[in-house]
Amino acid sequence: MLHRSQLARGVILAAATSLILVACTSGGGAGSSGGTGSVTVGMASASGLGPFLTGPNGKTLYTHAGDSANTSTCTGTCLAAWPALTVTSGQQPVAGAGVTGQLGSFSRPDGGTQVTYNGLPLYYWQGDTKAGDVTGQGISGFTVALAAGSSAGSSTAAGSSSTAPASTSGGGGY
């Protein structure tokens, strides 16, 4: 028969083990997809926009006009409003059905690893509450990341926008 303290330790150990397993398989990060070792960038469509990119949670992804290839100008309070789609160490972004552009990642100055589409960093908008929302369109230089490789409201291909002026304020113009 187990003593009460032995039983309590066993329950605590089992709970701790479960938490560790969940943490190890969840992958972490703003855009994590789970224990697959990858983050899937998907596609959705909205009237007036056409096909656009979504994160693993189905929410809309955005690009910022002040960013250039593998460089984010969104830091500090900007990142609070526009969380970066990130991967954890060892994860790679994967293109879901219909996503044809090139996915990649780069190391942010804050230590995170941000996902890119055709070289441009990808973000969520805090105001989008569910999959399919596009409420961040046109706010503070952010536009919906279109699956065709451009940003909504822009005729510039995402991979060639490196000529856009970068912000020197550290806040990405936000």
Protein backbone atom coordinates (compact mmCIF):
# COMPACT_ATOMS: atom_id res chain seq x y z
CA MET A 1 0.00 0.00 0.00
CA LEU A 2 1.38 3.41 -1.00
CA HIS A 3 1.92 6.03 1.61
CA ARG A 4 0.06 9.32 1.03
CA SER A 5 3.32 11.25 0.31
CA GLN A 6 4.46 8.58 -2.18
CA LEU A 7 1.13 8.78 -3.98
CA ALA A 8 1.30 12.59 -4.11
CA ARG A 9 4.83 12.44 -5.55
CA GLY A 10 3.68 9.95 -8.17
CA VAL A 11 0.80 12.18 -9.22
CA ILE A 12 3.11 15.22 -9.39
CA LEU A 13 5.68 13.27 -11.41
CA ALA A 14 3.01 12.05 -13.84
CA ALA A 15 1.65 15.58 -14.27
CA ALA A 16 5.14 17.02 -14.80
CA THR A 17 5.95 14.33 -17.36
CA SER A 18 2.73 15.12 -19.24
CA LEU A 19 3.56 18.83 -19.27
CA ILE A 20 7.05 18.16 -20.56
CA LEU A 21 5.71 15.93 -23.32
CA VAL A 22 3.17 18.55 -24.35
CA ALA A 23 5.84 21.28 -24.34
CA CYS A 24 8.25 19.20 -26.38
CA THR A 25 5.68 18.30 -29.00
CA SER A 26 3.92 21.64 -29.24
CA GLY A 27 6.89 23.36 -30.87
CA GLY A 28 6.21 26.78 -29.30
CA GLY A 29 6.42 30.08 -31.18
CA ALA A 30 3.70 32.32 -32.52
CA GLY A 31 3.18 30.17 -35.56
CA SER A 32 3.93 26.69 -34.39
CA SER A 33 1.99 23.83 -35.89
CA GLY A 34 2.78 21.15 -33.34
CA GLY A 35 5.09 18.20 -33.12
CA THR A 36 5.58 17.80 -36.85
CA GLY A 37 8.92 19.60 -36.89
CA SER A 38 7.50 22.17 -39.28
CA VAL A 39 5.18 25.16 -39.55
CA THR A 40 2.72 25.01 -42.42
CA VAL A 41 1.84 28.19 -44.29
CA GLY A 42 -1.56 27.71 -45.86
CA MET A 43 -3.88 29.60 -48.14
CA ALA A 44 -7.36 31.09 -47.89
CA SER A 45 -9.35 33.48 -50.05
CA ALA A 46 -11.34 36.64 -49.43
CA SER A 47 -13.57 38.65 -51.70
CA GLY A 48 -11.59 41.47 -53.28
CA LEU A 49 -8.22 40.00 -52.28
CA GLY A 50 -8.09 36.57 -53.83
CA PRO A 51 -5.85 33.86 -52.39
CA PHE A 52 -3.75 34.94 -49.39
CA LEU A 53 -1.40 33.28 -46.90
CA THR A 54 -2.42 31.93 -43.53
CA GLY A 55 -0.46 30.63 -40.57
CA PRO A 56 -0.86 27.16 -39.03
CA ASN A 57 -3.75 28.53 -36.95
CA GLY A 58 -5.62 29.61 -40.13
CA LYS A 59 -5.24 33.31 -39.40
CA THR A 60 -4.20 35.79 -42.09
CA LEU A 61 -0.52 36.61 -42.61
CA TYR A 62 0.74 40.09 -43.50
CA THR A 63 3.89 41.73 -44.83
CA HIS A 64 5.23 45.20 -43.98
CA ALA A 65 6.22 47.84 -46.55
CA GLY A 66 9.29 48.85 -44.50
CA ASP A 67 10.78 45.35 -44.53
CA SER A 68 13.27 44.01 -47.03
CA ALA A 69 14.58 40.54 -47.80
CA ASN A 70 15.23 38.69 -44.53
CA THR A 71 15.03 41.94 -42.53
CA SER A 72 12.23 43.02 -40.21
CA THR A 73 11.76 46.62 -39.14
CA CYS A 74 8.95 45.64 -36.75
CA THR A 75 10.24 45.58 -33.16
CA GLY A 76 9.02 46.52 -29.69
CA THR A 77 5.42 47.77 -29.65
CA CYS A 78 5.09 46.96 -33.33
CA LEU A 79 5.66 43.25 -32.57
CA ALA A 80 3.05 43.40 -29.82
CA ALA A 81 0.46 44.48 -32.39
CA TRP A 82 1.92 42.48 -35.29
CA PRO A 83 3.31 39.19 -33.89
CA ALA A 84 5.85 37.55 -36.15
CA LEU A 85 5.19 34.09 -37.57
CA THR A 86 8.06 32.18 -36.00
CA VAL A 87 9.54 28.73 -35.91
CA THR A 88 11.54 27.14 -33.14
CA SER A 89 15.01 25.72 -33.50
CA GLY A 90 14.99 22.85 -35.97
CA GLN A 91 11.62 23.71 -37.50
CA GLN A 92 11.20 24.63 -41.14
CA PRO A 93 8.27 26.40 -42.78
CA VAL A 94 6.35 24.18 -45.20
CA ALA A 95 4.07 25.27 -48.04
CA GLY A 96 0.50 24.05 -47.77
CA ALA A 97 -1.75 23.32 -50.74
CA GLY A 98 -1.66 26.11 -53.33
CA VAL A 99 1.28 27.99 -51.79
CA THR A 100 3.89 28.26 -54.53
CA GLY A 101 6.29 30.98 -53.35
CA GLN A 102 9.51 30.30 -51.52
CA LEU A 103 9.32 29.93 -47.75
CA GLY A 104 12.34 30.55 -45.58
CA SER A 105 13.36 32.00 -42.25
CA PHE A 106 15.90 34.34 -40.70
CA SER A 107 17.19 35.15 -37.24
CA ARG A 108 15.63 38.26 -35.70
CA PRO A 109 17.76 40.58 -33.55
CA ASP A 110 15.53 39.63 -30.58
CA GLY A 111 16.63 36.00 -30.94
CA GLY A 112 13.53 34.57 -32.64
CA THR A 113 13.43 32.90 -36.04
CA GLN A 114 10.86 34.53 -38.33
CA VAL A 115 9.24 32.88 -41.34
CA THR A 116 9.50 34.60 -44.73
CA TYR A 117 7.62 34.30 -48.02
CA ASN A 118 9.71 35.17 -51.07
CA GLY A 119 12.16 36.72 -48.61
CA LEU A 120 9.68 39.01 -46.80
CA PRO A 121 8.93 38.52 -43.09
CA LEU A 122 5.42 37.35 -42.21
CA TYR A 123 3.23 38.66 -39.38
CA TYR A 124 -0.17 38.20 -37.78
CA TRP A 125 -2.39 41.15 -36.79
CA GLN A 126 -3.65 41.25 -33.21
CA GLY A 127 -7.02 42.54 -34.42
CA ASP A 128 -7.78 39.40 -36.43
CA THR A 129 -9.77 37.21 -34.06
CA LYS A 130 -10.55 34.27 -36.32
CA ALA A 131 -9.44 32.55 -39.50
CA GLY A 132 -10.38 34.58 -42.56
CA ASP A 133 -10.27 37.98 -40.84
CA VAL A 134 -8.27 40.57 -42.83
CA THR A 135 -8.80 43.55 -40.53
CA GLY A 136 -5.12 44.54 -40.61
CA GLN A 137 -5.16 45.32 -44.34
CA GLY A 138 -3.59 48.74 -44.94
CA ILE A 139 -2.81 49.53 -41.29
CA SER A 140 0.61 51.12 -40.65
CA GLY A 141 2.14 49.85 -43.88
CA PHE A 142 0.99 46.24 -43.37
CA THR A 143 -0.84 44.44 -46.15
CA VAL A 144 -2.25 40.96 -46.57
CA ALA A 145 0.39 38.58 -47.94
CA LEU A 146 -1.06 37.29 -51.19
CA ALA A 147 -0.33 33.74 -52.30
CA ALA A 148 0.68 35.11 -55.71
CA GLY A 149 3.76 36.59 -54.05
CA SER A 150 2.65 40.20 -53.71
CA SER A 151 0.94 42.17 -50.98
CA ALA A 152 -2.67 43.28 -51.24
CA GLY A 153 -2.84 46.88 -52.41
CA SER A 154 0.63 46.59 -53.90
CA SER A 155 1.78 45.77 -57.39
CA THR A 156 5.27 45.00 -56.10
CA ALA A 157 6.24 41.36 -56.06
CA ALA A 158 7.14 40.30 -52.53
CA GLY A 159 10.56 39.10 -53.59
CA SER A 160 11.49 42.41 -55.21
CA SER A 161 10.40 44.90 -52.56
CA SER A 162 13.88 45.24 -51.12
CA THR A 163 13.97 48.73 -52.59
CA ALA A 164 11.29 49.87 -50.14
CA PRO A 165 12.76 52.36 -47.66
CA ALA A 166 13.57 50.77 -44.34
CA SER A 167 12.61 52.52 -41.15
CA THR A 168 15.45 53.70 -38.99
CA SER A 169 13.24 54.24 -35.94
CA GLY A 170 13.41 50.58 -34.91
CA GLY A 171 9.62 50.48 -34.72
CA GLY A 172 8.98 49.70 -38.36
CA GLY A 173 7.04 52.90 -38.85
CA TYR A 174 4.40 51.61 -36.52
